PDB file of N, CA and C in Angstrom:
ATOM      1  N   MET A   1     -25.950  33.512   8.275  1.00  0.00           N
ATOM      2  CA  MET A   1     -24.835  32.863   7.628  1.00  0.00           C
ATOM      3  C   MET A   1     -24.982  31.357   7.847  1.00  0.00           C
ATOM      4  N   LYS A   2     -24.662  30.608   6.798  1.00  0.00           N
ATOM      5  CA  LYS A   2     -24.709  29.149   6.863  1.00  0.00           C
ATOM      6  C   LYS A   2     -23.293  28.608   6.703  1.00  0.00           C
ATOM      7  N   LEU A   3     -22.854  27.790   7.656  1.00  0.00           N
ATOM      8  CA  LEU A   3     -21.541  27.173   7.613  1.00  0.00           C
ATOM      9  C   LEU A   3     -21.747  25.671   7.388  1.00  0.00           C
ATOM     10  N   ILE A   4     -21.131  25.140   6.329  1.00  0.00           N
ATOM     11  CA  ILE A   4     -21.267  23.728   5.987  1.00  0.00           C
ATOM     12  C   ILE A   4     -19.892  23.094   6.017  1.00  0.00           C
ATOM     13  N   LYS A   5     -19.702  22.134   6.911  1.00  0.00           N
ATOM     14  CA  LYS A   5     -18.434  21.415   6.988  1.00  0.00           C
ATOM     15  C   LYS A   5     -18.453  20.302   5.961  1.00  0.00           C
ATOM     16  N   LYS A   6     -17.494  20.334   5.047  1.00  0.00           N
ATOM     17  CA  LYS A   6     -17.313  19.268   4.072  1.00  0.00           C
ATOM     18  C   LYS A   6     -16.261  18.314   4.608  1.00  0.00           C
ATOM     19  N   SER A   7     -15.933  17.307   3.837  1.00  0.00           N
ATOM     20  CA  SER A   7     -14.927  16.333   4.287  1.00  0.00           C
ATOM     21  C   SER A   7     -13.571  16.983   4.499  1.00  0.00           C
ATOM     22  N   HIS A   8     -12.835  16.422   5.432  1.00  0.00           N
ATOM     23  CA  HIS A   8     -11.487  16.805   5.813  1.00  0.00           C
ATOM     24  C   HIS A   8     -11.409  18.294   6.154  1.00  0.00           C
ATOM     25  N   ALA A   9     -10.720  19.101   5.348  1.00  0.00           N
ATOM     26  CA  ALA A   9     -10.442  20.493   5.708  1.00  0.00           C
ATOM     27  C   ALA A   9     -11.376  21.494   5.040  1.00  0.00           C
ATOM     28  N   CYS A  10     -12.289  21.048   4.228  1.00  0.00           N
ATOM     29  CA  CYS A  10     -13.117  21.951   3.421  1.00  0.00           C
ATOM     30  C   CYS A  10     -14.328  22.472   4.194  1.00  0.00           C
ATOM     31  N   VAL A  11     -14.585  23.777   4.029  1.00  0.00           N
ATOM     32  CA  VAL A  11     -15.733  24.435   4.648  1.00  0.00           C
ATOM     33  C   VAL A  11     -16.372  25.351   3.612  1.00  0.00           C
ATOM     34  N   ARG A  12     -17.714  25.385   3.578  1.00  0.00           N
ATOM     35  CA  ARG A  12     -18.466  26.332   2.734  1.00  0.00           C
ATOM     36  C   ARG A  12     -19.159  27.331   3.644  1.00  0.00           C
ATOM     37  N   LEU A  13     -19.034  28.603   3.320  1.00  0.00           N
ATOM     38  CA  LEU A  13     -19.747  29.665   4.021  1.00  0.00           C
ATOM     39  C   LEU A  13     -20.712  30.295   3.026  1.00  0.00           C
ATOM     40  N   GLU A  14     -21.995  30.368   3.392  1.00  0.00           N
ATOM     41  CA  GLU A  14     -23.003  30.940   2.515  1.00  0.00           C
ATOM     42  C   GLU A  14     -23.730  32.063   3.252  1.00  0.00           C
ATOM     43  N   LYS A  15     -23.854  33.194   2.570  1.00  0.00           N
ATOM     44  CA  LYS A  15     -24.568  34.330   3.151  1.00  0.00           C
ATOM     45  C   LYS A  15     -25.059  35.231   2.024  1.00  0.00           C
ATOM     46  N   ASP A  16     -26.326  35.604   2.094  1.00  0.00           N
ATOM     47  CA  ASP A  16     -26.925  36.538   1.141  1.00  0.00           C
ATOM     48  C   ASP A  16     -26.692  36.115  -0.306  1.00  0.00           C
ATOM     49  N   GLY A  17     -26.805  34.810  -0.573  1.00  0.00           N
ATOM     50  CA  GLY A  17     -26.661  34.317  -1.940  1.00  0.00           C
ATOM     51  C   GLY A  17     -25.239  34.221  -2.450  1.00  0.00           C
ATOM     52  N   ARG A  18     -24.254  34.439  -1.592  1.00  0.00           N
ATOM     53  CA  ARG A  18     -22.840  34.344  -1.978  1.00  0.00           C
ATOM     54  C   ARG A  18     -22.204  33.192  -1.216  1.00  0.00           C
ATOM     55  N   THR A  19     -21.231  32.541  -1.851  1.00  0.00           N
ATOM     56  CA  THR A  19     -20.599  31.374  -1.247  1.00  0.00           C
ATOM     57  C   THR A  19     -19.084  31.479  -1.312  1.00  0.00           C
ATOM     58  N   LEU A  20     -18.445  31.224  -0.167  1.00  0.00           N
ATOM     59  CA  LEU A  20     -16.998  31.144  -0.062  1.00  0.00           C
ATOM     60  C   LEU A  20     -16.662  29.713   0.344  1.00  0.00           C
ATOM     61  N   VAL A  21     -15.730  29.089  -0.377  1.00  0.00           N
ATOM     62  CA  VAL A  21     -15.285  27.732  -0.046  1.00  0.00           C
ATOM     63  C   VAL A  21     -13.816  27.792   0.346  1.00  0.00           C
ATOM     64  N   LEU A  22     -13.498  27.166   1.471  1.00  0.00           N
ATOM     65  CA  LEU A  22     -12.116  27.103   1.947  1.00  0.00           C
ATOM     66  C   LEU A  22     -11.568  25.699   1.758  1.00  0.00           C
ATOM     67  N   ASP A  23     -10.420  25.610   1.144  1.00  0.00           N
ATOM     68  CA  ASP A  23      -9.640  24.376   1.033  1.00  0.00           C
ATOM     69  C   ASP A  23     -10.379  23.164   0.446  1.00  0.00           C
ATOM     70  N   PRO A  24     -10.841  23.264  -0.805  1.00  0.00           N
ATOM     71  CA  PRO A  24     -11.468  22.098  -1.437  1.00  0.00           C
ATOM     72  C   PRO A  24     -10.407  21.137  -1.978  1.00  0.00           C
ATOM     73  N   GLY A  25      -9.816  20.372  -1.089  1.00  0.00           N
ATOM     74  CA  GLY A  25      -8.714  19.491  -1.451  1.00  0.00           C
ATOM     75  C   GLY A  25      -9.150  18.112  -1.919  1.00  0.00           C
ATOM     76  N   ALA A  26      -8.179  17.247  -2.099  1.00  0.00           N
ATOM     77  CA  ALA A  26      -8.403  15.917  -2.659  1.00  0.00           C
ATOM     78  C   ALA A  26      -9.273  15.025  -1.782  1.00  0.00           C
ATOM     79  N   PHE A  27      -9.365  15.309  -0.488  1.00  0.00           N
ATOM     80  CA  PHE A  27     -10.189  14.484   0.394  1.00  0.00           C
ATOM     81  C   PHE A  27     -11.593  15.045   0.553  1.00  0.00           C
ATOM     82  N   SER A  28     -11.884  16.173  -0.104  1.00  0.00           N
ATOM     83  CA  SER A  28     -13.213  16.782  -0.057  1.00  0.00           C
ATOM     84  C   SER A  28     -14.102  16.164  -1.132  1.00  0.00           C
ATOM     85  N   GLU A  29     -15.388  16.386  -1.014  1.00  0.00           N
ATOM     86  CA  GLU A  29     -16.317  15.922  -2.027  1.00  0.00           C
ATOM     87  C   GLU A  29     -15.957  16.549  -3.375  1.00  0.00           C
ATOM     88  N   GLU A  30     -16.187  15.819  -4.454  1.00  0.00           N
ATOM     89  CA  GLU A  30     -15.834  16.329  -5.787  1.00  0.00           C
ATOM     90  C   GLU A  30     -16.532  17.634  -6.113  1.00  0.00           C
ATOM     91  N   ASP A  31     -17.744  17.837  -5.602  1.00  0.00           N
ATOM     92  CA  ASP A  31     -18.498  19.045  -5.903  1.00  0.00           C
ATOM     93  C   ASP A  31     -18.349  20.129  -4.825  1.00  0.00           C
ATOM     94  N   ALA A  32     -17.380  19.987  -3.942  1.00  0.00           N
ATOM     95  CA  ALA A  32     -17.237  20.892  -2.801  1.00  0.00           C
ATOM     96  C   ALA A  32     -17.108  22.360  -3.210  1.00  0.00           C
ATOM     97  N   ALA A  33     -16.437  22.645  -4.327  1.00  0.00           N
ATOM     98  CA  ALA A  33     -16.206  24.035  -4.732  1.00  0.00           C
ATOM     99  C   ALA A  33     -17.211  24.524  -5.785  1.00  0.00           C
ATOM    100  N   LEU A  34     -18.060  23.636  -6.282  1.00  0.00           N
ATOM    101  CA  LEU A  34     -19.014  24.048  -7.320  1.00  0.00           C
ATOM    102  C   LEU A  34     -19.992  25.081  -6.768  1.00  0.00           C
ATOM    103  N   GLY A  35     -20.250  26.111  -7.542  1.00  0.00           N
ATOM    104  CA  GLY A  35     -21.166  27.166  -7.141  1.00  0.00           C
ATOM    105  C   GLY A  35     -20.561  28.229  -6.251  1.00  0.00           C
ATOM    106  N   ALA A  36     -19.275  28.140  -6.001  1.00  0.00           N
ATOM    107  CA  ALA A  36     -18.625  29.133  -5.132  1.00  0.00           C
ATOM    108  C   ALA A  36     -18.372  30.425  -5.891  1.00  0.00           C
ATOM    109  N   ASP A  37     -18.567  31.538  -5.215  1.00  0.00           N
ATOM    110  CA  ASP A  37     -18.202  32.839  -5.771  1.00  0.00           C
ATOM    111  C   ASP A  37     -16.709  33.073  -5.596  1.00  0.00           C
ATOM    112  N   ALA A  38     -16.178  32.520  -4.521  1.00  0.00           N
ATOM    113  CA  ALA A  38     -14.750  32.650  -4.241  1.00  0.00           C
ATOM    114  C   ALA A  38     -14.276  31.390  -3.519  1.00  0.00           C
ATOM    115  N   ILE A  39     -13.016  31.059  -3.760  1.00  0.00           N
ATOM    116  CA  ILE A  39     -12.385  29.900  -3.140  1.00  0.00           C
ATOM    117  C   ILE A  39     -11.084  30.373  -2.507  1.00  0.00           C
ATOM    118  N   LEU A  40     -10.890  30.022  -1.245  1.00  0.00           N
ATOM    119  CA  LEU A  40      -9.650  30.360  -0.550  1.00  0.00           C
ATOM    120  C   LEU A  40      -8.862  29.080  -0.332  1.00  0.00           C
ATOM    121  N   VAL A  41      -7.637  29.059  -0.848  1.00  0.00           N
ATOM    122  CA  VAL A  41      -6.725  27.939  -0.649  1.00  0.00           C
ATOM    123  C   VAL A  41      -5.680  28.389   0.360  1.00  0.00           C
ATOM    124  N   THR A  42      -5.657  27.747   1.524  1.00  0.00           N
ATOM    125  CA  THR A  42      -4.751  28.198   2.576  1.00  0.00           C
ATOM    126  C   THR A  42      -3.319  27.750   2.341  1.00  0.00           C
ATOM    127  N   HIS A  43      -3.135  26.589   1.710  1.00  0.00           N
ATOM    128  CA  HIS A  43      -1.793  26.143   1.355  1.00  0.00           C
ATOM    129  C   HIS A  43      -1.895  25.024   0.325  1.00  0.00           C
ATOM    130  N   GLU A  44      -0.758  24.646  -0.240  1.00  0.00           N
ATOM    131  CA  GLU A  44      -0.744  23.790  -1.421  1.00  0.00           C
ATOM    132  C   GLU A  44      -0.659  22.296  -1.152  1.00  0.00           C
ATOM    133  N   HIS A  45      -0.875  21.852   0.045  1.00  0.00           N
ATOM    134  CA  HIS A  45      -0.903  20.411   0.290  1.00  0.00           C
ATOM    135  C   HIS A  45      -2.133  19.820  -0.410  1.00  0.00           C
ATOM    136  N   PRO A  46      -2.038  18.601  -0.915  1.00  0.00           N
ATOM    137  CA  PRO A  46      -3.148  18.011  -1.677  1.00  0.00           C
ATOM    138  C   PRO A  46      -4.463  17.922  -0.910  1.00  0.00           C
ATOM    139  N   ASP A  47      -4.419  17.861   0.405  1.00  0.00           N
ATOM    140  CA  ASP A  47      -5.666  17.786   1.169  1.00  0.00           C
ATOM    141  C   ASP A  47      -6.361  19.147   1.296  1.00  0.00           C
ATOM    142  N   HIS A  48      -5.711  20.219   0.848  1.00  0.00           N
ATOM    143  CA  HIS A  48      -6.301  21.564   0.873  1.00  0.00           C
ATOM    144  C   HIS A  48      -6.406  22.171  -0.525  1.00  0.00           C
ATOM    145  N   PHE A  49      -5.677  21.635  -1.464  1.00  0.00           N
ATOM    146  CA  PHE A  49      -5.605  22.180  -2.823  1.00  0.00           C
ATOM    147  C   PHE A  49      -5.703  21.026  -3.815  1.00  0.00           C
ATOM    148  N   ASP A  50      -6.738  21.028  -4.633  1.00  0.00           N
ATOM    149  CA  ASP A  50      -6.884  20.008  -5.661  1.00  0.00           C
ATOM    150  C   ASP A  50      -7.204  20.709  -6.979  1.00  0.00           C
ATOM    151  N   GLU A  51      -6.289  20.618  -7.916  1.00  0.00           N
ATOM    152  CA  GLU A  51      -6.432  21.335  -9.186  1.00  0.00           C
ATOM    153  C   GLU A  51      -7.708  20.958  -9.923  1.00  0.00           C
ATOM    154  N   LEU A  52      -8.069  19.684  -9.934  1.00  0.00           N
ATOM    155  CA  LEU A  52      -9.273  19.253 -10.656  1.00  0.00           C
ATOM    156  C   LEU A  52     -10.536  19.860 -10.058  1.00  0.00           C
ATOM    157  N   ARG A  53     -10.609  19.955  -8.738  1.00  0.00           N
ATOM    158  CA  ARG A  53     -11.785  20.568  -8.111  1.00  0.00           C
ATOM    159  C   ARG A  53     -11.850  22.065  -8.424  1.00  0.00           C
ATOM    160  N   LEU A  54     -10.692  22.724  -8.443  1.00  0.00           N
ATOM    161  CA  LEU A  54     -10.673  24.150  -8.785  1.00  0.00           C
ATOM    162  C   LEU A  54     -11.058  24.366 -10.246  1.00  0.00           C
ATOM    163  N   ARG A  55     -10.549  23.519 -11.131  1.00  0.00           N
ATOM    164  CA  ARG A  55     -10.914  23.636 -12.547  1.00  0.00           C
ATOM    165  C   ARG A  55     -12.408  23.432 -12.749  1.00  0.00           C
ATOM    166  N   ALA A  56     -12.985  22.444 -12.074  1.00  0.00           N
ATOM    167  CA  ALA A  56     -14.425  22.187 -12.200  1.00  0.00           C
ATOM    168  C   ALA A  56     -15.226  23.395 -11.731  1.00  0.00           C
ATOM    169  N   ALA A  57     -14.803  24.013 -10.638  1.00  0.00           N
ATOM    170  CA  ALA A  57     -15.494  25.204 -10.132  1.00  0.00           C
ATOM    171  C   ALA A  57     -15.393  26.357 -11.123  1.00  0.00           C
ATOM    172  N   MET A  58     -14.214  26.546 -11.727  1.00  0.00           N
ATOM    173  CA  MET A  58     -14.024  27.630 -12.698  1.00  0.00           C
ATOM    174  C   MET A  58     -14.822  27.377 -13.974  1.00  0.00           C
ATOM    175  N   GLU A  59     -14.927  26.124 -14.397  1.00  0.00           N
ATOM    176  CA  GLU A  59     -15.714  25.806 -15.586  1.00  0.00           C
ATOM    177  C   GLU A  59     -17.201  26.025 -15.318  1.00  0.00           C
ATOM    178  N   ALA A  60     -17.658  25.710 -14.113  1.00  0.00           N
ATOM    179  CA  ALA A  60     -19.062  25.904 -13.754  1.00  0.00           C
ATOM    180  C   ALA A  60     -19.407  27.382 -13.635  1.00  0.00           C
ATOM    181  N   ASP A  61     -18.452  28.186 -13.168  1.00  0.00           N
ATOM    182  CA  ASP A  61     -18.675  29.628 -13.000  1.00  0.00           C
ATOM    183  C   ASP A  61     -17.381  30.378 -13.257  1.00  0.00           C
ATOM    184  N   PRO A  62     -17.163  30.813 -14.507  1.00  0.00           N
ATOM    185  CA  PRO A  62     -15.918  31.512 -14.848  1.00  0.00           C
ATOM    186  C   PRO A  62     -15.678  32.806 -14.061  1.00  0.00           C
ATOM    187  N   ALA A  63     -16.706  33.347 -13.426  1.00  0.00           N
ATOM    188  CA  ALA A  63     -16.539  34.567 -12.640  1.00  0.00           C
ATOM    189  C   ALA A  63     -16.016  34.284 -11.229  1.00  0.00           C
ATOM    190  N   ALA A  64     -15.980  33.021 -10.840  1.00  0.00           N
ATOM    191  CA  ALA A  64     -15.479  32.675  -9.501  1.00  0.00           C
ATOM    192  C   ALA A  64     -14.018  33.093  -9.371  1.00  0.00           C
ATOM    193  N   GLU A  65     -13.638  33.466  -8.168  1.00  0.00           N
ATOM    194  CA  GLU A  65     -12.262  33.886  -7.910  1.00  0.00           C
ATOM    195  C   GLU A  65     -11.567  32.868  -7.020  1.00  0.00           C
ATOM    196  N   ILE A  66     -10.289  32.654  -7.279  1.00  0.00           N
ATOM    197  CA  ILE A  66      -9.483  31.786  -6.431  1.00  0.00           C
ATOM    198  C   ILE A  66      -8.480  32.674  -5.703  1.00  0.00           C
ATOM    199  N   TRP A  67      -8.459  32.549  -4.378  1.00  0.00           N
ATOM    200  CA  TRP A  67      -7.580  33.356  -3.544  1.00  0.00           C
ATOM    201  C   TRP A  67      -6.612  32.454  -2.783  1.00  0.00           C
ATOM    202  N   THR A  68      -5.461  32.984  -2.489  1.00  0.00           N
ATOM    203  CA  THR A  68      -4.497  32.334  -1.602  1.00  0.00           C
ATOM    204  C   THR A  68      -4.252  33.276  -0.434  1.00  0.00           C
ATOM    205  N   LEU A  69      -3.662  32.767   0.610  1.00  0.00           N
ATOM    206  CA  LEU A  69      -3.348  33.638   1.743  1.00  0.00           C
ATOM    207  C   LEU A  69      -2.402  34.760   1.333  1.00  0.00           C
ATOM    208  N   ARG A  70      -1.473  34.467   0.438  1.00  0.00           N
ATOM    209  CA  ARG A  70      -0.545  35.500  -0.033  1.00  0.00           C
ATOM    210  C   ARG A  70      -1.307  36.628  -0.730  1.00  0.00           C
ATOM    211  N   SER A  71      -2.263  36.286  -1.577  1.00  0.00           N
ATOM    212  CA  SER A  71      -2.993  37.336  -2.305  1.00  0.00           C
ATOM    213  C   SER A  71      -3.797  38.202  -1.342  1.00  0.00           C
ATOM    214  N   VAL A  72      -4.369  37.597  -0.318  1.00  0.00           N
ATOM    215  CA  VAL A  72      -5.110  38.369   0.683  1.00  0.00           C
ATOM    216  C   VAL A  72      -4.151  39.271   1.450  1.00  0.00           C
ATOM    217  N   ALA A  73      -3.004  38.735   1.864  1.00  0.00           N
ATOM    218  CA  ALA A  73      -2.020  39.533   2.594  1.00  0.00           C
ATOM    219  C   ALA A  73      -1.525  40.703   1.745  1.00  0.00           C
ATOM    220  N   GLU A  74      -1.328  40.476   0.454  1.00  0.00           N
ATOM    221  CA  GLU A  74      -0.871  41.552  -0.428  1.00  0.00           C
ATOM    222  C   GLU A  74      -1.916  42.656  -0.549  1.00  0.00           C
ATOM    223  N   LYS A  75      -3.206  42.302  -0.613  1.00  0.00           N
ATOM    224  CA  LYS A  75      -4.258  43.318  -0.672  1.00  0.00           C
ATOM    225  C   LYS A  75      -4.310  44.132   0.613  1.00  0.00           C
ATOM    226  N   ILE A  76      -4.149  43.468   1.750  1.00  0.00           N
ATOM    227  CA  ILE A  76      -4.148  44.180   3.033  1.00  0.00           C
ATOM    228  C   ILE A  76      -2.939  45.108   3.108  1.00  0.00           C
ATOM    229  N   SER A  77      -1.770  44.622   2.696  1.00  0.00           N
ATOM    230  CA  SER A  77      -0.565  45.460   2.714  1.00  0.00           C
ATOM    231  C   SER A  77      -0.705  46.669   1.801  1.00  0.00           C
ATOM    232  N   ALA A  78      -1.350  46.476   0.647  1.00  0.00           N
ATOM    233  CA  ALA A  78      -1.550  47.591  -0.280  1.00  0.00           C
ATOM    234  C   ALA A  78      -2.513  48.620   0.299  1.00  0.00           C
ATOM    235  N   ALA A  79      -3.526  48.154   1.009  1.00  0.00           N
ATOM    236  CA  ALA A  79      -4.516  49.064   1.586  1.00  0.00           C
ATOM    237  C   ALA A  79      -3.965  49.817   2.795  1.00  0.00           C
ATOM    238  N   PHE A  80      -3.068  49.175   3.543  1.00  0.00           N
ATOM    239  CA  PHE A  80      -2.515  49.768   4.753  1.00  0.00           C
ATOM    240  C   PHE A  80      -0.997  49.667   4.729  1.00  0.00           C
ATOM    241  N   PRO A  81      -0.328  50.380   3.816  1.00  0.00           N
ATOM    242  CA  PRO A  81       1.119  50.213   3.650  1.00  0.00           C
ATOM    243  C   PRO A  81       1.940  50.568   4.882  1.00  0.00           C
ATOM    244  N   ASP A  82       1.463  51.468   5.708  1.00  0.00           N
ATOM    245  CA  ASP A  82       2.224  51.866   6.888  1.00  0.00           C
ATOM    246  C   ASP A  82       1.989  50.942   8.077  1.00  0.00           C
ATOM    247  N   ALA A  83       0.953  50.123   7.995  1.00  0.00           N
ATOM    248  CA  ALA A  83       0.594  49.298   9.148  1.00  0.00           C
ATOM    249  C   ALA A  83       0.929  47.826   8.971  1.00  0.00           C
ATOM    250  N   CYS A  84       1.183  47.386   7.742  1.00  0.00           N
ATOM    251  CA  CYS A  84       1.362  45.962   7.489  1.00  0.00           C
ATOM    252  C   CYS A  84       2.702  45.657   6.851  1.00  0.00           C
ATOM    253  N   THR A  85       3.231  44.515   7.221  1.00  0.00           N
ATOM    254  CA  THR A  85       4.441  44.008   6.596  1.00  0.00           C
ATOM    255  C   THR A  85       4.153  42.598   6.132  1.00  0.00           C
ATOM    256  N   LEU A  86       4.359  42.335   4.852  1.00  0.00           N
ATOM    257  CA  LEU A  86       4.136  41.011   4.300  1.00  0.00           C
ATOM    258  C   LEU A  86       5.420  40.210   4.416  1.00  0.00           C
ATOM    259  N   SER A  87       5.355  39.102   5.104  1.00  0.00           N
ATOM    260  CA  SER A  87       6.510  38.241   5.268  1.00  0.00           C
ATOM    261  C   SER A  87       6.488  37.158   4.198  1.00  0.00           C
ATOM    262  N   ALA A  88       7.595  36.981   3.517  1.00  0.00           N
ATOM    263  CA  ALA A  88       7.669  35.971   2.460  1.00  0.00           C
ATOM    264  C   ALA A  88       7.527  34.575   3.032  1.00  0.00           C
ATOM    265  N   THR A  89       7.862  34.382   4.279  1.00  0.00           N
ATOM    266  CA  THR A  89       7.772  33.042   4.861  1.00  0.00           C
ATOM    267  C   THR A  89       6.449  32.802   5.572  1.00  0.00           C
ATOM    268  N   ALA A  90       5.652  33.841   5.758  1.00  0.00           N
ATOM    269  CA  ALA A  90       4.416  33.685   6.527  1.00  0.00           C
ATOM    270  C   ALA A  90       3.279  33.089   5.708  1.00  0.00           C
ATOM    271  N   THR A  91       3.346  33.199   4.402  1.00  0.00           N
ATOM    272  CA  THR A  91       2.253  32.698   3.577  1.00  0.00           C
ATOM    273  C   THR A  91       2.805  31.841   2.455  1.00  0.00           C
ATOM    274  N   PRO A  92       2.023  30.886   1.973  1.00  0.00           N
ATOM    275  CA  PRO A  92       2.499  30.002   0.916  1.00  0.00           C
ATOM    276  C   PRO A  92       2.509  30.686  -0.442  1.00  0.00           C
ATOM    277  N   SER A  93       3.161  30.052  -1.380  1.00  0.00           N
ATOM    278  CA  SER A  93       3.151  30.530  -2.754  1.00  0.00           C
ATOM    279  C   SER A  93       1.767  30.336  -3.335  1.00  0.00           C
ATOM    280  N   PRO A  94       1.391  31.134  -4.341  1.00  0.00           N
ATOM    281  CA  PRO A  94       0.087  30.928  -4.975  1.00  0.00           C
ATOM    282  C   PRO A  94       0.082  29.622  -5.759  1.00  0.00           C
ATOM    283  N   PRO A  95      -1.129  29.099  -6.061  1.00  0.00           N
ATOM    284  CA  PRO A  95      -1.179  27.888  -6.864  1.00  0.00           C
ATOM    285  C   PRO A  95      -0.602  28.133  -8.242  1.00  0.00           C
ATOM    286  N   PRO A  96      -0.211  27.086  -8.954  1.00  0.00           N
ATOM    287  CA  PRO A  96       0.353  27.254 -10.285  1.00  0.00           C
ATOM    288  C   PRO A  96      -0.605  27.996 -11.211  1.00  0.00           C
ATOM    289  N   ALA A  97      -0.058  28.752 -12.140  1.00  0.00           N
ATOM    290  CA  ALA A  97      -0.885  29.522 -13.074  1.00  0.00           C
ATOM    291  C   ALA A  97      -1.831  28.625 -13.853  1.00  0.00           C
ATOM    292  N   SER A  98      -1.474  27.375 -14.049  1.00  0.00           N
ATOM    293  CA  SER A  98      -2.333  26.467 -14.804  1.00  0.00           C
ATOM    294  C   SER A  98      -3.664  26.225 -14.110  1.00  0.00           C
ATOM    295  N   THR A  99      -3.764  26.561 -12.821  1.00  0.00           N
ATOM    296  CA  THR A  99      -5.003  26.368 -12.086  1.00  0.00           C
ATOM    297  C   THR A  99      -6.089  27.323 -12.568  1.00  0.00           C
ATOM    298  N   CYS A 100      -5.709  28.510 -13.012  1.00  0.00           N
ATOM    299  CA  CYS A 100      -6.677  29.537 -13.364  1.00  0.00           C
ATOM    300  C   CYS A 100      -6.930  29.566 -14.863  1.00  0.00           C
ATOM    301  N   ARG A 101      -8.174  29.860 -15.215  1.00  0.00           N
ATOM    302  CA  ARG A 101      -8.536  29.927 -16.625  1.00  0.00           C
ATOM    303  C   ARG A 101      -7.876  31.127 -17.285  1.00  0.00           C
ATOM    304  N   SER A 102      -7.819  32.237 -16.591  1.00  0.00           N
ATOM    305  CA  SER A 102      -7.175  33.430 -17.104  1.00  0.00           C
ATOM    306  C   SER A 102      -6.731  34.276 -15.933  1.00  0.00           C
ATOM    307  N   THR A 103      -5.881  35.242 -16.200  1.00  0.00           N
ATOM    308  CA  THR A 103      -5.415  36.093 -15.109  1.00  0.00           C
ATOM    309  C   THR A 103      -6.556  36.937 -14.551  1.00  0.00           C
ATOM    310  N   ALA A 104      -7.610  37.163 -15.330  1.00  0.00           N
ATOM    311  CA  ALA A 104      -8.738  37.932 -14.840  1.00  0.00           C
ATOM    312  C   ALA A 104      -9.448  37.192 -13.707  1.00  0.00           C
ATOM    313  N   ASN A 105      -9.396  35.868 -13.719  1.00  0.00           N
ATOM    314  CA  ASN A 105     -10.063  35.074 -12.696  1.00  0.00           C
ATOM    315  C   ASN A 105      -9.141  34.686 -11.545  1.00  0.00           C
ATOM    316  N   CYS A 106      -7.877  34.982 -11.660  1.00  0.00           N
ATOM    317  CA  CYS A 106      -6.916  34.540 -10.656  1.00  0.00           C
ATOM    318  C   CYS A 106      -6.382  35.751  -9.906  1.00  0.00           C
ATOM    319  N   THR A 107      -6.693  35.841  -8.641  1.00  0.00           N
ATOM    320  CA  THR A 107      -6.276  36.972  -7.833  1.00  0.00           C
ATOM    321  C   THR A 107      -5.063  36.565  -7.023  1.00  0.00           C
ATOM    322  N   ARG A 108      -3.914  37.146  -7.345  1.00  0.00           N
ATOM    323  CA  ARG A 108      -2.694  36.824  -6.615  1.00  0.00           C
ATOM    324  C   ARG A 108      -1.973  38.084  -6.226  1.00  0.00           C
TER     325      ARG A 108
END
């Protein structure tokens, strides 16, 4: 596994030809999210979430997925309904729908 620290809060994880980018915000390099298979946005502050960087990543690879902590928590709760409780205050709201090219590319 290759871990690449980008500016401010952004990190790229690469393994077996797949790339996950965390928090490509406004203080990250403009190309921080390009080539990512998936992008995780931990919260909506501008230093962790930048709509233009997400749009550029989606235009470069329409199959890329954008995830939020809420969407991950919802998948875990669905997989383990008896073991997990999703708290509305524990995770941020998903990014605005305008961030995603289509609902097929936006996992919430």
